[in-house]
Amino acid sequence: MEVGSKIGVGVWIDRRRAAIVFVADIGTSTTLVLSHVDKQPGRLSGLRSTTRFEPQLVPADDSRERRLTSQLNVYYDAVIACIRGAQAVLIFGPGEAKGELRTRLALLKHDPRTVSFESADKMTARQIEARVRQWLAETAAAPTIARRRSGRPVR
């Protein structure tokens, strides 16, 4: 699909995968981005060990947390690279991943595209595509309001 023909993009995201739906004049296409991120840091069995000196054998919590954060940052950068040419982006999904992606997008200060965020439950590929089409129809019908850089409407 050509970069110039993209009208809107919808991203359903959680920490394991992101389903990206590109909607254009010529049709739609879907891309799946897998995170390959380890599970949330914690004990393997969830039980407390009774062996001596066991805490010295387990990696420190902060190093595991840093590793998880760096893996997620690579994943979010891959998602941002996929939606780079879009004019309007809808990001939705369960959990914290959409908020974490929002902070990664905030690092791109001069990003001219329209970005909306919504909460959503697990969805199939067809449901994601239908929601993106519905959102694009709603945004095309809604009047545009002049806004300042801070996001507030101009009086």
N, C-alpha and C. Protein backbone atom coordinates (compact mmCIF):
# COMPACT_ATOMS: atom_id res chain seq x y z
N MET A 1 0.85 -1.17 0.00
CA MET A 1 0.00 0.00 0.00
C MET A 1 0.89 1.23 0.00
N GLU A 2 0.55 2.22 -0.82
CA GLU A 2 1.36 3.42 -0.93
C GLU A 2 1.24 4.27 0.32
N VAL A 3 2.33 4.99 0.62
CA VAL A 3 2.34 5.83 1.81
C VAL A 3 1.37 6.99 1.65
N GLY A 4 1.27 7.58 0.50
CA GLY A 4 0.41 8.73 0.29
C GLY A 4 -1.07 8.40 0.32
N SER A 5 -1.44 7.15 0.10
CA SER A 5 -2.86 6.80 0.02
C SER A 5 -3.46 6.44 1.37
N LYS A 6 -2.66 6.42 2.43
CA LYS A 6 -3.18 6.07 3.75
C LYS A 6 -4.05 7.20 4.29
N ILE A 7 -5.27 6.85 4.66
CA ILE A 7 -6.16 7.83 5.27
C ILE A 7 -6.07 7.72 6.77
N GLY A 8 -6.18 6.52 7.29
CA GLY A 8 -6.15 6.33 8.73
C GLY A 8 -5.60 4.98 9.10
N VAL A 9 -5.16 4.91 10.34
CA VAL A 9 -4.59 3.67 10.86
C VAL A 9 -5.21 3.42 12.23
N GLY A 10 -5.57 2.17 12.48
CA GLY A 10 -6.03 1.76 13.79
C GLY A 10 -5.07 0.74 14.37
N VAL A 11 -4.72 0.93 15.65
CA VAL A 11 -3.78 0.04 16.31
C VAL A 11 -4.45 -0.54 17.55
N TRP A 12 -4.71 -1.85 17.54
CA TRP A 12 -5.15 -2.54 18.74
C TRP A 12 -3.89 -3.12 19.35
N ILE A 13 -3.59 -2.72 20.61
CA ILE A 13 -2.30 -3.07 21.18
C ILE A 13 -2.43 -3.58 22.60
N ASP A 14 -1.66 -4.60 22.91
CA ASP A 14 -1.39 -5.00 24.28
C ASP A 14 0.10 -5.33 24.33
N ARG A 15 0.58 -5.87 25.44
CA ARG A 15 2.02 -6.08 25.58
C ARG A 15 2.54 -7.27 24.78
N ARG A 16 1.66 -8.09 24.25
CA ARG A 16 2.10 -9.26 23.48
C ARG A 16 2.10 -9.03 21.99
N ARG A 17 1.09 -8.30 21.49
CA ARG A 17 1.00 -8.09 20.04
C ARG A 17 0.26 -6.80 19.74
N ALA A 18 0.46 -6.33 18.53
CA ALA A 18 -0.25 -5.15 18.04
C ALA A 18 -0.80 -5.50 16.66
N ALA A 19 -2.11 -5.32 16.49
CA ALA A 19 -2.75 -5.51 15.20
C ALA A 19 -2.96 -4.12 14.61
N ILE A 20 -2.32 -3.85 13.49
CA ILE A 20 -2.36 -2.53 12.86
C ILE A 20 -3.17 -2.65 11.58
N VAL A 21 -4.25 -1.86 11.49
CA VAL A 21 -5.13 -1.87 10.33
C VAL A 21 -4.94 -0.56 9.58
N PHE A 22 -4.53 -0.66 8.31
CA PHE A 22 -4.36 0.50 7.45
C PHE A 22 -5.60 0.63 6.57
N VAL A 23 -6.28 1.77 6.65
CA VAL A 23 -7.46 2.01 5.83
C VAL A 23 -7.10 3.10 4.83
N ALA A 24 -7.35 2.82 3.55
CA ALA A 24 -7.00 3.77 2.50
C ALA A 24 -8.12 3.80 1.47
N ASP A 25 -7.92 4.62 0.46
CA ASP A 25 -8.89 4.73 -0.63
C ASP A 25 -9.04 3.41 -1.37
N ILE A 26 -7.94 2.68 -1.50
CA ILE A 26 -7.95 1.47 -2.30
C ILE A 26 -8.32 0.22 -1.52
N GLY A 27 -8.44 0.30 -0.20
CA GLY A 27 -8.82 -0.86 0.60
C GLY A 27 -8.14 -0.85 1.95
N THR A 28 -8.13 -2.01 2.57
CA THR A 28 -7.53 -2.12 3.90
C THR A 28 -6.48 -3.23 3.89
N SER A 29 -5.55 -3.10 4.80
CA SER A 29 -4.57 -4.16 5.01
C SER A 29 -4.26 -4.20 6.51
N THR A 30 -3.86 -5.38 6.97
CA THR A 30 -3.60 -5.58 8.39
C THR A 30 -2.19 -6.10 8.56
N THR A 31 -1.51 -5.58 9.57
CA THR A 31 -0.16 -6.02 9.92
C THR A 31 -0.16 -6.42 11.38
N LEU A 32 0.53 -7.48 11.70
CA LEU A 32 0.63 -7.94 13.07
C LEU A 32 2.08 -7.78 13.53
N VAL A 33 2.27 -7.10 14.67
CA VAL A 33 3.60 -6.90 15.24
C VAL A 33 3.62 -7.65 16.57
N LEU A 34 4.53 -8.61 16.70
CA LEU A 34 4.66 -9.37 17.94
C LEU A 34 5.76 -8.76 18.79
N SER A 35 5.58 -8.80 20.10
CA SER A 35 6.52 -8.11 20.98
C SER A 35 7.73 -8.96 21.36
N HIS A 36 7.58 -10.26 21.51
CA HIS A 36 8.65 -11.15 21.98
C HIS A 36 9.20 -10.68 23.32
N VAL A 37 8.32 -10.15 24.15
CA VAL A 37 8.70 -9.65 25.47
C VAL A 37 8.51 -10.76 26.48
N ASP A 38 9.47 -10.86 27.41
CA ASP A 38 9.34 -11.83 28.50
C ASP A 38 8.14 -11.47 29.35
N LYS A 39 7.71 -12.42 30.15
CA LYS A 39 6.60 -12.15 31.07
C LYS A 39 7.01 -11.09 32.08
N GLN A 40 6.00 -10.57 32.77
CA GLN A 40 6.26 -9.61 33.84
C GLN A 40 7.22 -10.22 34.85
N PRO A 41 8.21 -9.47 35.34
CA PRO A 41 9.17 -10.05 36.27
C PRO A 41 8.50 -10.58 37.53
N GLY A 42 8.96 -11.69 37.98
CA GLY A 42 8.43 -12.31 39.20
C GLY A 42 9.03 -13.69 39.37
N ARG A 43 8.65 -14.37 40.38
CA ARG A 43 9.16 -15.72 40.61
C ARG A 43 8.54 -16.67 39.59
N LEU A 44 9.30 -17.68 39.23
CA LEU A 44 8.83 -18.61 38.21
C LEU A 44 7.60 -19.38 38.67
N SER A 45 7.65 -19.92 39.88
CA SER A 45 6.54 -20.73 40.34
C SER A 45 5.55 -19.93 41.18
N GLY A 46 5.93 -18.72 41.57
CA GLY A 46 5.05 -17.91 42.38
C GLY A 46 5.10 -18.25 43.86
N LEU A 47 5.91 -19.25 44.21
CA LEU A 47 6.03 -19.67 45.60
C LEU A 47 7.34 -19.19 46.19
N ARG A 48 7.35 -19.00 47.46
CA ARG A 48 8.56 -18.58 48.15
C ARG A 48 9.47 -19.79 48.36
N SER A 49 10.74 -19.58 48.14
CA SER A 49 11.71 -20.67 48.27
C SER A 49 12.14 -20.82 49.73
N THR A 50 12.49 -22.04 50.12
CA THR A 50 12.97 -22.30 51.48
C THR A 50 14.44 -22.65 51.50
N THR A 51 15.12 -22.61 50.34
CA THR A 51 16.54 -22.92 50.31
C THR A 51 17.36 -21.74 50.82
N ARG A 52 18.52 -22.05 51.37
CA ARG A 52 19.39 -21.01 51.89
C ARG A 52 20.04 -20.23 50.75
N PHE A 53 20.20 -18.96 50.96
CA PHE A 53 20.89 -18.06 50.03
C PHE A 53 20.20 -17.98 48.66
N GLU A 54 18.95 -18.31 48.60
CA GLU A 54 18.21 -18.29 47.33
C GLU A 54 18.11 -16.87 46.76
N PRO A 55 17.92 -15.82 47.55
CA PRO A 55 17.84 -14.48 46.96
C PRO A 55 19.10 -14.08 46.22
N GLN A 56 20.23 -14.64 46.57
CA GLN A 56 21.47 -14.31 45.87
C GLN A 56 21.55 -14.98 44.50
N LEU A 57 20.74 -16.01 44.28
CA LEU A 57 20.76 -16.72 43.00
C LEU A 57 19.80 -16.10 41.98
N VAL A 58 18.85 -15.29 42.45
CA VAL A 58 17.85 -14.68 41.58
C VAL A 58 18.34 -13.29 41.16
N PRO A 59 18.21 -12.92 39.87
CA PRO A 59 18.62 -11.57 39.46
C PRO A 59 17.82 -10.50 40.21
N ALA A 60 18.42 -9.35 40.40
CA ALA A 60 17.76 -8.27 41.12
C ALA A 60 16.53 -7.78 40.37
N ASP A 61 15.54 -7.31 41.13
CA ASP A 61 14.29 -6.86 40.53
C ASP A 61 14.50 -5.68 39.60
N ASP A 62 15.37 -4.76 39.96
CA ASP A 62 15.55 -3.58 39.11
C ASP A 62 16.20 -3.94 37.78
N SER A 63 17.09 -4.92 37.75
CA SER A 63 17.69 -5.31 36.48
C SER A 63 16.67 -6.02 35.59
N ARG A 64 15.78 -6.83 36.20
CA ARG A 64 14.72 -7.48 35.40
C ARG A 64 13.74 -6.44 34.88
N GLU A 65 13.45 -5.44 35.70
CA GLU A 65 12.52 -4.39 35.28
C GLU A 65 13.12 -3.55 34.14
N ARG A 66 14.41 -3.25 34.22
CA ARG A 66 15.09 -2.51 33.14
C ARG A 66 15.07 -3.31 31.84
N ARG A 67 15.28 -4.61 31.95
CA ARG A 67 15.27 -5.46 30.76
C ARG A 67 13.88 -5.47 30.11
N LEU A 68 12.84 -5.59 30.94
CA LEU A 68 11.47 -5.57 30.43
C LEU A 68 11.17 -4.23 29.76
N THR A 69 11.58 -3.14 30.38
CA THR A 69 11.33 -1.81 29.83
C THR A 69 12.05 -1.62 28.50
N SER A 70 13.27 -2.09 28.40
CA SER A 70 14.00 -1.94 27.13
C SER A 70 13.38 -2.79 26.03
N GLN A 71 12.90 -4.00 26.37
CA GLN A 71 12.23 -4.84 25.37
C GLN A 71 10.94 -4.18 24.90
N LEU A 72 10.18 -3.59 25.83
CA LEU A 72 8.93 -2.92 25.45
C LEU A 72 9.21 -1.69 24.60
N ASN A 73 10.27 -0.95 24.88
CA ASN A 73 10.60 0.22 24.08
C ASN A 73 10.92 -0.16 22.64
N VAL A 74 11.61 -1.26 22.45
CA VAL A 74 11.89 -1.74 21.09
C VAL A 74 10.58 -2.10 20.38
N TYR A 75 9.68 -2.75 21.09
CA TYR A 75 8.37 -3.13 20.55
C TYR A 75 7.56 -1.90 20.16
N TYR A 76 7.49 -0.90 21.05
CA TYR A 76 6.72 0.31 20.76
C TYR A 76 7.34 1.10 19.61
N ASP A 77 8.66 1.11 19.50
CA ASP A 77 9.31 1.77 18.37
C ASP A 77 8.98 1.08 17.05
N ALA A 78 8.86 -0.25 17.08
CA ALA A 78 8.47 -0.99 15.87
C ALA A 78 7.04 -0.64 15.46
N VAL A 79 6.15 -0.49 16.44
CA VAL A 79 4.76 -0.11 16.14
C VAL A 79 4.72 1.30 15.57
N ILE A 80 5.48 2.22 16.15
CA ILE A 80 5.52 3.60 15.67
C ILE A 80 6.07 3.65 14.25
N ALA A 81 7.06 2.82 13.95
CA ALA A 81 7.61 2.77 12.59
C ALA A 81 6.57 2.30 11.58
N CYS A 82 5.67 1.41 11.99
CA CYS A 82 4.63 0.92 11.09
C CYS A 82 3.59 1.98 10.77
N ILE A 83 3.30 2.87 11.71
CA ILE A 83 2.24 3.87 11.50
C ILE A 83 2.80 5.21 11.06
N ARG A 84 4.04 5.25 10.65
CA ARG A 84 4.74 6.50 10.36
C ARG A 84 4.05 7.36 9.29
N GLY A 85 3.51 6.82 8.25
CA GLY A 85 2.97 7.62 7.17
C GLY A 85 1.49 7.97 7.29
N ALA A 86 0.87 7.66 8.39
CA ALA A 86 -0.58 7.85 8.53
C ALA A 86 -0.92 9.29 8.89
N GLN A 87 -2.10 9.73 8.44
CA GLN A 87 -2.60 11.06 8.77
C GLN A 87 -3.34 11.06 10.09
N ALA A 88 -4.10 10.01 10.37
CA ALA A 88 -4.88 9.89 11.60
C ALA A 88 -4.70 8.50 12.17
N VAL A 89 -4.55 8.42 13.51
CA VAL A 89 -4.27 7.15 14.16
C VAL A 89 -5.21 6.97 15.33
N LEU A 90 -5.84 5.79 15.41
CA LEU A 90 -6.64 5.40 16.56
C LEU A 90 -5.89 4.29 17.26
N ILE A 91 -5.59 4.50 18.55
CA ILE A 91 -4.89 3.49 19.35
C ILE A 91 -5.84 3.02 20.43
N PHE A 92 -6.10 1.73 20.47
CA PHE A 92 -7.03 1.19 21.44
C PHE A 92 -6.61 -0.20 21.85
N GLY A 93 -7.13 -0.65 22.99
CA GLY A 93 -6.80 -1.97 23.49
C GLY A 93 -6.93 -2.02 25.00
N PRO A 94 -6.73 -3.21 25.57
CA PRO A 94 -6.82 -3.36 27.02
C PRO A 94 -5.48 -3.03 27.68
N GLY A 95 -5.51 -2.77 28.96
CA GLY A 95 -4.29 -2.67 29.73
C GLY A 95 -3.52 -1.37 29.58
N GLU A 96 -2.24 -1.44 29.93
CA GLU A 96 -1.38 -0.27 30.00
C GLU A 96 -0.63 0.02 28.72
N ALA A 97 -0.65 -0.86 27.77
CA ALA A 97 0.20 -0.73 26.59
C ALA A 97 -0.10 0.54 25.81
N LYS A 98 -1.38 0.91 25.71
CA LYS A 98 -1.70 2.12 24.94
C LYS A 98 -1.18 3.37 25.62
N GLY A 99 -1.16 3.40 26.95
CA GLY A 99 -0.59 4.53 27.67
C GLY A 99 0.92 4.59 27.51
N GLU A 100 1.57 3.44 27.52
CA GLU A 100 3.01 3.39 27.32
C GLU A 100 3.37 3.82 25.89
N LEU A 101 2.54 3.43 24.93
CA LEU A 101 2.75 3.87 23.55
C LEU A 101 2.54 5.38 23.44
N ARG A 102 1.59 5.91 24.19
CA ARG A 102 1.34 7.35 24.20
C ARG A 102 2.58 8.10 24.66
N THR A 103 3.25 7.60 25.70
CA THR A 103 4.47 8.27 26.17
C THR A 103 5.59 8.17 25.15
N ARG A 104 5.68 7.06 24.43
CA ARG A 104 6.69 6.95 23.36
C ARG A 104 6.37 7.91 22.22
N LEU A 105 5.09 8.09 21.89
CA LEU A 105 4.70 9.04 20.85
C LEU A 105 4.95 10.48 21.30
N ALA A 106 4.84 10.74 22.60
CA ALA A 106 5.08 12.09 23.11
C ALA A 106 6.53 12.50 22.93
N LEU A 107 7.44 11.54 22.82
CA LEU A 107 8.84 11.87 22.57
C LEU A 107 9.04 12.46 21.18
N LEU A 108 8.13 12.15 20.26
CA LEU A 108 8.17 12.74 18.91
C LEU A 108 7.37 14.04 18.95
N LYS A 109 7.97 15.12 19.37
CA LYS A 109 7.26 16.35 19.68
C LYS A 109 6.59 17.00 18.47
N HIS A 110 7.19 16.90 17.32
CA HIS A 110 6.65 17.58 16.14
C HIS A 110 5.92 16.62 15.22
N ASP A 111 5.05 15.81 15.81
CA ASP A 111 4.30 14.81 15.06
C ASP A 111 2.96 15.42 14.65
N PRO A 112 2.71 15.65 13.36
CA PRO A 112 1.52 16.38 12.94
C PRO A 112 0.23 15.56 12.88
N ARG A 113 0.28 14.27 13.06
CA ARG A 113 -0.91 13.46 12.85
C ARG A 113 -1.88 13.55 14.03
N THR A 114 -3.12 13.20 13.76
CA THR A 114 -4.16 13.16 14.77
C THR A 114 -4.14 11.79 15.43
N VAL A 115 -4.04 11.77 16.76
CA VAL A 115 -3.98 10.51 17.49
C VAL A 115 -5.09 10.49 18.52
N SER A 116 -5.89 9.41 18.53
CA SER A 116 -6.95 9.22 19.52
C SER A 116 -6.69 7.93 20.28
N PHE A 117 -7.09 7.91 21.55
CA PHE A 117 -6.90 6.74 22.39
C PHE A 117 -8.23 6.31 22.97
N GLU A 118 -8.47 4.98 22.99
CA GLU A 118 -9.70 4.41 23.55
C GLU A 118 -9.36 3.11 24.26
N SER A 119 -10.20 2.76 25.23
CA SER A 119 -10.09 1.45 25.88
C SER A 119 -10.97 0.46 25.13
N ALA A 120 -10.48 -0.75 24.98
CA ALA A 120 -11.24 -1.79 24.29
C ALA A 120 -10.81 -3.14 24.82
N ASP A 121 -11.69 -4.10 24.67
CA ASP A 121 -11.40 -5.46 25.11
C ASP A 121 -10.74 -6.21 23.96
N LYS A 122 -10.51 -7.49 24.12
CA LYS A 122 -9.94 -8.30 23.05
C LYS A 122 -10.89 -8.30 21.86
N MET A 123 -10.31 -8.21 20.67
CA MET A 123 -11.11 -8.13 19.45
C MET A 123 -10.50 -9.01 18.37
N THR A 124 -11.35 -9.45 17.45
CA THR A 124 -10.88 -10.18 16.29
C THR A 124 -10.41 -9.18 15.25
N ALA A 125 -9.77 -9.68 14.21
CA ALA A 125 -9.26 -8.80 13.15
C ALA A 125 -10.40 -8.05 12.46
N ARG A 126 -11.52 -8.71 12.24
CA ARG A 126 -12.66 -8.05 11.60
C ARG A 126 -13.27 -6.98 12.49
N GLN A 127 -13.32 -7.25 13.80
CA GLN A 127 -13.85 -6.25 14.73
C GLN A 127 -12.93 -5.03 14.79
N ILE A 128 -11.63 -5.26 14.75
CA ILE A 128 -10.68 -4.15 14.77
C ILE A 128 -10.86 -3.30 13.51
N GLU A 129 -10.96 -3.96 12.37
CA GLU A 129 -11.14 -3.24 11.10
C GLU A 129 -12.45 -2.45 11.10
N ALA A 130 -13.53 -3.04 11.60
CA ALA A 130 -14.82 -2.35 11.65
C ALA A 130 -14.75 -1.15 12.58
N ARG A 131 -14.07 -1.28 13.71
CA ARG A 131 -13.96 -0.16 14.66
C ARG A 131 -13.15 0.98 14.06
N VAL A 132 -12.11 0.67 13.32
CA VAL A 132 -11.30 1.71 12.68
C VAL A 132 -12.11 2.43 11.61
N ARG A 133 -12.86 1.68 10.81
CA ARG A 133 -13.71 2.32 9.79
C ARG A 133 -14.76 3.22 10.44
N GLN A 134 -15.37 2.75 11.53
CA GLN A 134 -16.37 3.55 12.24
C GLN A 134 -15.73 4.83 12.80
N TRP A 135 -14.54 4.71 13.37
CA TRP A 135 -13.85 5.88 13.92
C TRP A 135 -13.51 6.88 12.83
N LEU A 136 -13.05 6.40 11.67
CA LEU A 136 -12.73 7.30 10.56
C LEU A 136 -13.98 8.02 10.06
N ALA A 137 -15.12 7.31 10.02
CA ALA A 137 -16.37 7.95 9.60
C ALA A 137 -16.79 9.02 10.61
N GLU A 138 -16.61 8.74 11.90
CA GLU A 138 -16.96 9.71 12.93
C GLU A 138 -16.07 10.94 12.88
N THR A 139 -14.76 10.74 12.67
CA THR A 139 -13.85 11.88 12.64
C THR A 139 -14.01 12.70 11.37
N ALA A 140 -14.40 12.06 10.28
CA ALA A 140 -14.62 12.80 9.03
C ALA A 140 -15.89 13.64 9.13
N ALA A 141 -16.90 13.16 9.87
CA ALA A 141 -18.16 13.89 10.00
C ALA A 141 -18.07 14.98 11.05
N ALA A 142 -17.18 14.83 12.03
CA ALA A 142 -17.08 15.81 13.12
C ALA A 142 -16.39 17.07 12.62
N PRO A 143 -16.90 18.25 13.04
CA PRO A 143 -16.24 19.49 12.64
C PRO A 143 -14.90 19.63 13.36
N THR A 144 -13.93 20.20 12.66
CA THR A 144 -12.63 20.38 13.28
C THR A 144 -12.64 21.64 14.13
N ILE A 145 -12.08 21.55 15.30
CA ILE A 145 -12.01 22.67 16.23
C ILE A 145 -10.57 23.15 16.27
N ALA A 146 -10.39 24.45 16.10
CA ALA A 146 -9.04 25.00 16.17
C ALA A 146 -8.51 24.83 17.59
N ARG A 147 -7.30 24.33 17.70
CA ARG A 147 -6.72 24.09 19.02
C ARG A 147 -5.33 24.72 19.11
N ARG A 148 -4.98 25.07 20.34
CA ARG A 148 -3.65 25.57 20.62
C ARG A 148 -2.68 24.40 20.72
N ARG A 149 -1.40 24.72 20.87
CA ARG A 149 -0.40 23.66 21.04
C ARG A 149 -0.64 22.85 22.30
N SER A 150 -1.21 23.48 23.32
CA SER A 150 -1.47 22.78 24.58
C SER A 150 -2.64 21.83 24.47
N GLY A 151 -3.43 21.91 23.39
CA GLY A 151 -4.56 21.03 23.21
C GLY A 151 -5.89 21.68 23.55
N ARG A 152 -5.85 22.89 24.13
CA ARG A 152 -7.08 23.60 24.47
C ARG A 152 -7.68 24.24 23.23
N PRO A 153 -9.03 24.32 23.17
CA PRO A 153 -9.65 25.00 22.02
C PRO A 153 -9.37 26.49 22.05
N VAL A 154 -9.26 27.07 20.88
CA VAL A 154 -9.08 28.53 20.75
C VAL A 154 -10.44 29.18 20.93
N ARG A 155 -10.50 30.27 21.70
CA ARG A 155 -11.79 30.95 21.95
C ARG A 155 -12.21 31.76 20.77
